[in-house]
Amino acid sequence: MLPPNGVPRFYRGGPAIAALRGTEPRGERVPEDWVGSTTTVFGENELGLSRLPGGELLRDAIVADPVGFLGADHAAARAADSALLVKLLDAGERLPVHVHPNRAFARSELGMPYGKTEAWIVVGTTRPDASVHVGFRDDVPPEALQRWVREQDHAALLGALNPVAAQPGDAIFVPAGVPHAIGEGLLIVELQEPSDLSVLLEWQGFGIEDPSEASLGLSWDGALACVDRSRRDTAPLRGPRPDDPVARLLPREADPFFRAERVAPAPEAEIERGFAVLVVIDGRGSLEPEDGEPLGLRRGDTVLLPHSAGVCRVTGALVLIACRPPAPGANGAAG
């Protein structure tokens, strides 16, 4: 079982995460809980890293036993790198229009190994009209994007994106480079590459005083080079609606970056062997690993499942999201 790992950010949120977990809110601007994280907040040395129940950093535990945690094949390919970051995210206000660099840009311009392709699994909302905005509705000329950002034209930036209704059970894949904004009132499980790289196309009115904070310290000409300005059809970004006790949630295009399954025992289900981060979003039940003691589960629990646990039997009236690293042999270098 993993303890909460709240991360303060510039935007409002956090009470919905506390309600899910059954804890007290830590404040109005702790809108993210980084689950099973070996990743730090951009520019920080330790903030963002998850600790095991005994207090040890998960990062250090995986370094000490990469095969036990990640499996021999994963460890052979990626050493002690889980290649995954999972978050609980509570949007207490609309997030600014922003974009994440892909790996090629992150490596060439920032000297970092990962970009930030991500996916959202909606687990709750406080609004019947909750929505997200993903990708430009039409091709955007570079001079238009530069003007919108320079003038902080909020209406133009948000209006240029595709609005997408978002309700519990929806899953949306967001490739790196695609501009997007998460609407107010959404509680999501977010899977992403293990980085904290964001270029904020909007910053005025969002608590960002220094524009250089919004551009990752790059010039704006350099930062905007990571934006996919092409028209985007959002239909292929939606995942399938689950209808089996264990069902994939994301389109196949996500496999080189991460995978997610919805597990809803009927009355039981099996989670295949492999490293996973589990987020229980409803009900109660139990997890019975092939190697280890049974674990009682309830809504709001988060569990790190090491490869060494083997196949796990899940029983009870519960629903959980199993978040996994990239598929074996998959390569998301372009993303």
Protein backbone atom coordinates (compact mmCIF):
# COMPACT_ATOMS: atom_id res chain seq x y z
CA MET A 1 0.00 0.00 0.00
CA LEU A 2 1.31 3.44 -0.89
CA PRO A 3 0.77 6.48 1.36
CA PRO A 4 -0.51 9.76 -0.13
CA ASN A 5 2.10 11.85 -1.93
CA GLY A 6 0.58 15.28 -2.45
CA VAL A 7 2.39 17.72 -4.73
CA PRO A 8 1.66 21.48 -4.54
CA ARG A 9 1.07 23.20 -7.88
CA PHE A 10 0.05 26.65 -9.11
CA TYR A 11 -3.59 25.73 -9.73
CA ARG A 12 -6.44 25.02 -7.33
CA GLY A 13 -7.47 21.50 -6.40
CA GLY A 14 -6.99 18.71 -3.91
CA PRO A 15 -10.27 18.25 -2.02
CA ALA A 16 -11.54 15.65 -4.50
CA ILE A 17 -8.38 13.59 -4.01
CA ALA A 18 -8.82 13.77 -0.23
CA ALA A 19 -12.47 12.71 -0.60
CA LEU A 20 -11.43 9.72 -2.74
CA ARG A 21 -8.75 8.70 -0.27
CA GLY A 22 -10.79 9.43 2.85
CA THR A 23 -8.23 11.89 4.20
CA GLU A 24 -8.23 15.57 5.13
CA PRO A 25 -7.35 18.06 2.35
CA ARG A 26 -3.82 19.40 2.63
CA GLY A 27 -4.78 22.76 1.14
CA GLU A 28 -6.48 24.36 -1.83
CA ARG A 29 -3.43 24.08 -4.10
CA VAL A 30 -2.26 20.49 -3.65
CA PRO A 31 -4.12 19.21 -6.71
CA GLU A 32 -1.88 16.26 -7.57
CA ASP A 33 -0.94 13.03 -5.81
CA TRP A 34 2.00 11.32 -7.51
CA VAL A 35 1.50 7.58 -7.11
CA GLY A 36 4.37 5.11 -7.28
CA SER A 37 6.60 7.94 -8.48
CA THR A 38 10.32 7.77 -9.16
CA THR A 39 10.08 11.18 -10.85
CA THR A 40 10.75 14.61 -9.34
CA VAL A 41 9.02 17.91 -10.00
CA PHE A 42 10.89 19.93 -12.64
CA GLY A 43 13.82 21.69 -10.98
CA GLU A 44 13.46 19.82 -7.67
CA ASN A 45 15.70 17.16 -6.11
CA GLU A 46 13.15 15.15 -4.14
CA LEU A 47 9.65 16.65 -4.40
CA GLY A 48 7.41 14.19 -6.22
CA LEU A 49 9.20 10.99 -5.20
CA SER A 50 7.02 8.31 -3.59
CA ARG A 51 7.95 6.59 -0.36
CA LEU A 52 7.10 3.05 0.67
CA PRO A 53 5.18 2.52 3.95
CA GLY A 54 8.45 2.12 5.85
CA GLY A 55 9.73 5.50 4.62
CA GLU A 56 12.19 4.29 1.97
CA LEU A 57 12.10 6.08 -1.36
CA LEU A 58 10.57 3.84 -4.00
CA ARG A 59 13.29 4.98 -6.40
CA ASP A 60 15.98 3.57 -4.10
CA ALA A 61 14.11 0.31 -3.56
CA ILE A 62 13.83 -0.28 -7.32
CA VAL A 63 17.53 0.50 -7.81
CA ALA A 64 18.32 -2.15 -5.17
CA ASP A 65 16.12 -4.80 -6.83
CA PRO A 66 15.12 -3.87 -10.40
CA VAL A 67 14.29 -7.45 -11.39
CA GLY A 68 12.04 -8.00 -8.37
CA PHE A 69 10.11 -4.80 -8.98
CA LEU A 70 10.14 -4.53 -12.77
CA GLY A 71 10.84 -8.02 -14.07
CA ALA A 72 13.90 -9.37 -15.88
CA ASP A 73 12.87 -8.25 -19.38
CA HIS A 74 12.02 -4.70 -18.32
CA ALA A 75 15.19 -4.42 -16.21
CA ALA A 76 17.33 -5.69 -19.09
CA ALA A 77 15.90 -3.03 -21.39
CA ARG A 78 15.53 -0.09 -18.97
CA ALA A 79 17.58 -0.98 -15.85
CA ALA A 80 15.87 0.53 -12.76
CA ASP A 81 13.69 2.92 -14.77
CA SER A 82 9.98 2.14 -14.35
CA ALA A 83 9.25 4.39 -17.38
CA LEU A 84 5.93 5.40 -15.82
CA LEU A 85 4.41 8.17 -13.71
CA VAL A 86 0.87 7.89 -12.34
CA LYS A 87 -1.03 10.78 -10.78
CA LEU A 88 -4.31 11.57 -9.18
CA LEU A 89 -5.26 15.03 -10.46
CA ASP A 90 -8.07 17.23 -9.15
CA ALA A 91 -8.80 20.21 -11.40
CA GLY A 92 -10.34 22.71 -9.01
CA GLU A 93 -10.22 25.26 -11.83
CA ARG A 94 -9.66 25.11 -15.57
CA LEU A 95 -6.01 24.45 -16.24
CA PRO A 96 -4.25 26.72 -18.73
CA VAL A 97 -3.79 25.69 -22.34
CA HIS A 98 -0.44 23.94 -22.35
CA VAL A 99 1.65 21.39 -24.21
CA HIS A 100 4.29 18.82 -23.38
CA PRO A 101 7.43 18.23 -25.48
CA ASN A 102 8.06 14.89 -27.13
CA ARG A 103 11.18 12.86 -26.42
CA ALA A 104 13.15 14.14 -29.38
CA PHE A 105 12.60 17.75 -28.27
CA ALA A 106 13.28 16.94 -24.61
CA ARG A 107 16.58 15.31 -25.51
CA SER A 108 17.82 17.94 -27.96
CA GLU A 109 16.64 21.10 -26.17
CA LEU A 110 16.54 20.12 -22.50
CA GLY A 111 18.96 17.20 -22.21
CA MET A 112 16.26 15.00 -20.68
CA PRO A 113 15.40 11.41 -21.70
CA TYR A 114 11.59 11.64 -21.68
CA GLY A 115 8.94 13.87 -23.13
CA LYS A 116 5.46 13.78 -21.70
CA THR A 117 2.88 11.82 -23.61
CA GLU A 118 -0.03 11.30 -21.22
CA ALA A 119 -3.53 9.87 -20.82
CA TRP A 120 -6.50 10.77 -18.63
CA ILE A 121 -8.94 8.31 -17.07
CA VAL A 122 -11.88 10.21 -15.65
CA VAL A 123 -12.99 8.87 -12.26
CA GLY A 124 -15.17 11.72 -11.04
CA THR A 125 -16.60 15.14 -11.83
CA THR A 126 -18.47 17.86 -9.98
CA ARG A 127 -20.04 19.29 -13.14
CA PRO A 128 -22.56 17.76 -15.56
CA ASP A 129 -20.91 19.70 -18.41
CA ALA A 130 -17.32 18.76 -17.54
CA SER A 131 -14.98 18.77 -20.50
CA VAL A 132 -11.41 18.85 -21.68
CA HIS A 133 -9.92 20.55 -24.74
CA VAL A 134 -7.51 18.57 -26.91
CA GLY A 135 -5.71 19.46 -30.14
CA PHE A 136 -6.37 22.26 -32.59
CA ARG A 137 -9.63 22.22 -34.52
CA ASP A 138 -7.85 23.55 -37.62
CA ASP A 139 -4.25 23.98 -38.70
CA VAL A 140 -2.75 26.97 -36.91
CA PRO A 141 -0.12 29.13 -38.66
CA PRO A 142 3.01 29.72 -36.57
CA GLU A 143 2.53 33.49 -36.57
CA ALA A 144 -1.02 33.11 -35.19
CA LEU A 145 0.16 30.89 -32.32
CA GLN A 146 3.00 33.29 -31.56
CA ARG A 147 0.56 36.21 -31.44
CA TRP A 148 -1.94 34.41 -29.20
CA VAL A 149 0.82 33.51 -26.73
CA ARG A 150 2.48 36.94 -26.84
CA GLU A 151 -0.84 38.74 -26.28
CA GLN A 152 -2.13 36.08 -23.88
CA ASP A 153 -5.32 35.83 -25.92
CA HIS A 154 -7.15 33.32 -23.73
CA ALA A 155 -10.26 33.23 -25.89
CA ALA A 156 -8.29 32.48 -29.05
CA LEU A 157 -6.11 29.80 -27.45
CA LEU A 158 -8.95 27.89 -25.81
CA GLY A 159 -11.34 28.48 -28.70
CA ALA A 160 -8.91 26.97 -31.17
CA LEU A 161 -8.99 23.61 -29.36
CA ASN A 162 -11.45 20.74 -29.72
CA PRO A 163 -13.88 20.58 -26.78
CA VAL A 164 -14.37 17.01 -25.58
CA ALA A 165 -17.06 16.03 -23.06
CA ALA A 166 -15.58 14.10 -20.14
CA GLN A 167 -17.52 11.90 -17.72
CA PRO A 168 -16.53 9.07 -15.37
CA GLY A 169 -15.32 6.07 -17.34
CA ASP A 170 -13.92 8.11 -20.23
CA ALA A 171 -10.28 7.60 -21.19
CA ILE A 172 -8.40 10.02 -23.45
CA PHE A 173 -4.90 9.62 -24.88
CA VAL A 174 -2.89 12.84 -25.35
CA PRO A 175 0.29 12.49 -27.43
CA ALA A 176 3.19 14.80 -26.67
CA GLY A 177 3.06 18.00 -28.68
CA VAL A 178 -0.74 18.19 -28.70
CA PRO A 179 -1.99 21.34 -26.91
CA HIS A 180 -4.68 20.75 -24.31
CA ALA A 181 -6.49 22.00 -21.23
CA ILE A 182 -8.29 20.11 -18.46
CA GLY A 183 -11.62 21.64 -17.46
CA GLU A 184 -12.76 22.52 -13.96
CA GLY A 185 -14.33 19.84 -11.80
CA LEU A 186 -12.55 16.75 -13.11
CA LEU A 187 -10.86 14.09 -10.99
CA ILE A 188 -8.64 11.92 -13.14
CA VAL A 189 -6.07 9.16 -12.96
CA GLU A 190 -3.29 10.35 -15.22
CA LEU A 191 -0.67 8.10 -16.78
CA GLN A 192 2.35 9.71 -18.37
CA GLU A 193 5.96 9.42 -19.28
CA PRO A 194 8.12 10.03 -16.20
CA SER A 195 8.83 13.73 -16.63
CA ASP A 196 7.46 17.09 -15.48
CA LEU A 197 7.84 19.13 -18.67
CA SER A 198 5.10 21.62 -19.57
CA VAL A 199 5.04 24.68 -21.81
CA LEU A 200 2.19 26.90 -20.62
CA LEU A 201 0.69 28.72 -23.60
CA GLU A 202 -1.46 30.59 -21.08
CA TRP A 203 0.06 31.92 -17.89
CA GLN A 204 -1.48 35.28 -17.09
CA GLY A 205 -4.21 34.84 -14.50
CA PHE A 206 -2.93 31.41 -13.48
CA GLY A 207 -0.50 32.43 -10.75
CA ILE A 208 2.58 32.40 -13.01
CA GLU A 209 4.44 35.68 -12.56
CA ASP A 210 7.56 35.01 -14.62
CA PRO A 211 6.89 33.97 -18.26
CA SER A 212 10.19 32.07 -18.28
CA GLU A 213 8.58 29.63 -15.84
CA ALA A 214 5.97 28.92 -18.51
CA SER A 215 8.51 28.18 -21.25
CA LEU A 216 10.81 25.75 -19.39
CA GLY A 217 13.45 28.51 -19.43
CA LEU A 218 13.62 28.42 -23.24
CA SER A 219 13.04 31.35 -25.57
CA TRP A 220 9.44 31.46 -26.75
CA ASP A 221 10.51 30.77 -30.32
CA GLY A 222 12.30 27.69 -29.04
CA ALA A 223 9.49 26.56 -26.73
CA LEU A 224 6.76 26.90 -29.36
CA ALA A 225 8.71 24.60 -31.67
CA CYS A 226 7.40 21.68 -29.60
CA VAL A 227 3.74 22.47 -30.40
CA ASP A 228 1.84 20.33 -32.90
CA ARG A 229 -0.06 23.02 -34.83
CA SER A 230 -1.90 20.61 -37.11
CA ARG A 231 -5.60 19.85 -37.06
CA ARG A 232 -6.37 16.98 -34.70
CA ASP A 233 -9.26 14.52 -34.86
CA THR A 234 -10.06 13.56 -31.26
CA ALA A 235 -12.00 10.37 -32.02
CA PRO A 236 -8.86 8.14 -32.23
CA LEU A 237 -7.69 9.49 -28.87
CA ARG A 238 -10.62 7.98 -26.97
CA GLY A 239 -10.15 4.59 -25.39
CA PRO A 240 -12.68 1.73 -25.64
CA ARG A 241 -15.48 1.51 -23.11
CA PRO A 242 -14.75 -1.46 -20.81
CA ASP A 243 -17.23 -4.32 -20.70
CA ASP A 244 -15.16 -7.22 -19.29
CA PRO A 245 -13.89 -7.88 -15.74
CA VAL A 246 -10.41 -6.90 -16.99
CA ALA A 247 -10.50 -4.48 -19.91
CA ARG A 248 -7.98 -2.21 -21.60
CA LEU A 249 -8.78 1.48 -21.37
CA LEU A 250 -6.47 3.19 -23.86
CA PRO A 251 -6.01 2.97 -27.64
CA ARG A 252 -3.17 0.81 -28.95
CA GLU A 253 -1.19 3.93 -29.82
CA ALA A 254 -0.56 4.38 -26.10
CA ASP A 255 1.22 1.03 -25.70
CA PRO A 256 4.74 2.36 -26.41
CA PHE A 257 4.28 4.77 -23.48
CA PHE A 258 2.02 3.07 -20.91
CA ARG A 259 -1.00 0.80 -20.55
CA ALA A 260 -4.10 0.88 -18.37
CA GLU A 261 -6.76 -1.67 -17.46
CA ARG A 262 -10.02 -1.39 -15.59
CA VAL A 263 -10.41 -4.32 -13.20
CA ALA A 264 -13.92 -5.02 -11.88
CA PRO A 265 -14.26 -8.53 -10.41
CA ALA A 266 -17.39 -10.42 -11.39
CA PRO A 267 -17.02 -11.99 -8.80
CA GLU A 268 -13.26 -12.34 -9.30
CA ALA A 269 -10.59 -11.38 -11.80
CA GLU A 270 -6.88 -11.91 -12.36
CA ILE A 271 -4.21 -9.25 -12.82
CA GLU A 272 -1.38 -10.62 -14.93
CA ARG A 273 2.14 -10.67 -13.57
CA GLY A 274 4.13 -7.47 -13.95
CA PHE A 275 4.90 -4.12 -12.39
CA ALA A 276 1.77 -2.02 -11.94
CA VAL A 277 0.37 0.88 -9.96
CA LEU A 278 -3.17 0.17 -8.77
CA VAL A 279 -5.71 2.88 -7.94
CA VAL A 280 -8.96 1.71 -6.32
CA ILE A 281 -11.73 4.04 -7.48
CA ASP A 282 -14.76 2.33 -5.96
CA GLY A 283 -15.91 -0.33 -3.50
CA ARG A 284 -14.10 -2.86 -1.34
CA GLY A 285 -12.41 -6.17 -1.96
CA SER A 286 -9.12 -8.00 -1.68
CA LEU A 287 -5.93 -8.61 -3.62
CA GLU A 288 -4.38 -12.07 -3.34
CA PRO A 289 -0.89 -12.23 -4.88
CA GLU A 290 0.67 -15.45 -6.02
CA ASP A 291 3.63 -14.65 -3.77
CA GLY A 292 2.68 -12.64 -0.70
CA GLU A 293 -0.05 -12.01 1.84
CA PRO A 294 -3.62 -11.03 0.88
CA LEU A 295 -4.34 -7.32 1.01
CA GLY A 296 -7.68 -5.73 1.79
CA LEU A 297 -8.62 -2.94 -0.61
CA ARG A 298 -11.08 -0.06 -0.42
CA ARG A 299 -11.93 3.05 -2.40
CA GLY A 300 -9.01 5.47 -2.50
CA ASP A 301 -6.24 2.94 -1.87
CA THR A 302 -3.15 2.99 -4.06
CA VAL A 303 -0.95 -0.08 -4.33
CA LEU A 304 2.43 -0.73 -5.89
CA LEU A 305 2.39 -4.19 -7.44
CA PRO A 306 5.91 -5.56 -8.05
CA HIS A 307 6.65 -8.16 -10.70
CA SER A 308 7.68 -10.55 -7.93
CA ALA A 309 4.10 -10.69 -6.63
CA GLY A 310 3.16 -12.88 -9.60
CA VAL A 311 -0.38 -13.24 -10.88
CA CYS A 312 -2.85 -11.56 -8.52
CA ARG A 313 -6.44 -12.62 -7.85
CA VAL A 314 -8.86 -9.77 -7.17
CA THR A 315 -12.21 -10.35 -5.47
CA GLY A 316 -15.00 -8.22 -4.07
CA ALA A 317 -17.29 -5.42 -5.18
CA LEU A 318 -14.60 -3.00 -6.24
CA VAL A 319 -13.27 -1.23 -9.31
CA LEU A 320 -9.61 -0.41 -9.77
CA ILE A 321 -7.34 1.00 -12.45
CA ALA A 322 -4.14 -0.96 -13.14
CA CYS A 323 -1.49 1.32 -14.63
CA ARG A 324 1.47 -0.30 -16.36
CA PRO A 325 4.73 0.71 -18.07
CA PRO A 326 5.19 0.52 -21.85
CA ALA A 327 4.42 -2.81 -23.49
CA PRO A 328 7.47 -5.11 -23.68
CA GLY A 329 9.59 -4.25 -26.71
CA ALA A 330 7.59 -1.09 -27.43
CA ASN A 331 9.49 2.03 -28.40
CA GLY A 332 7.97 5.45 -27.87
CA ALA A 333 11.03 7.39 -28.94
CA ALA A 334 9.11 9.63 -31.30
CA GLY A 335 6.48 10.54 -28.74
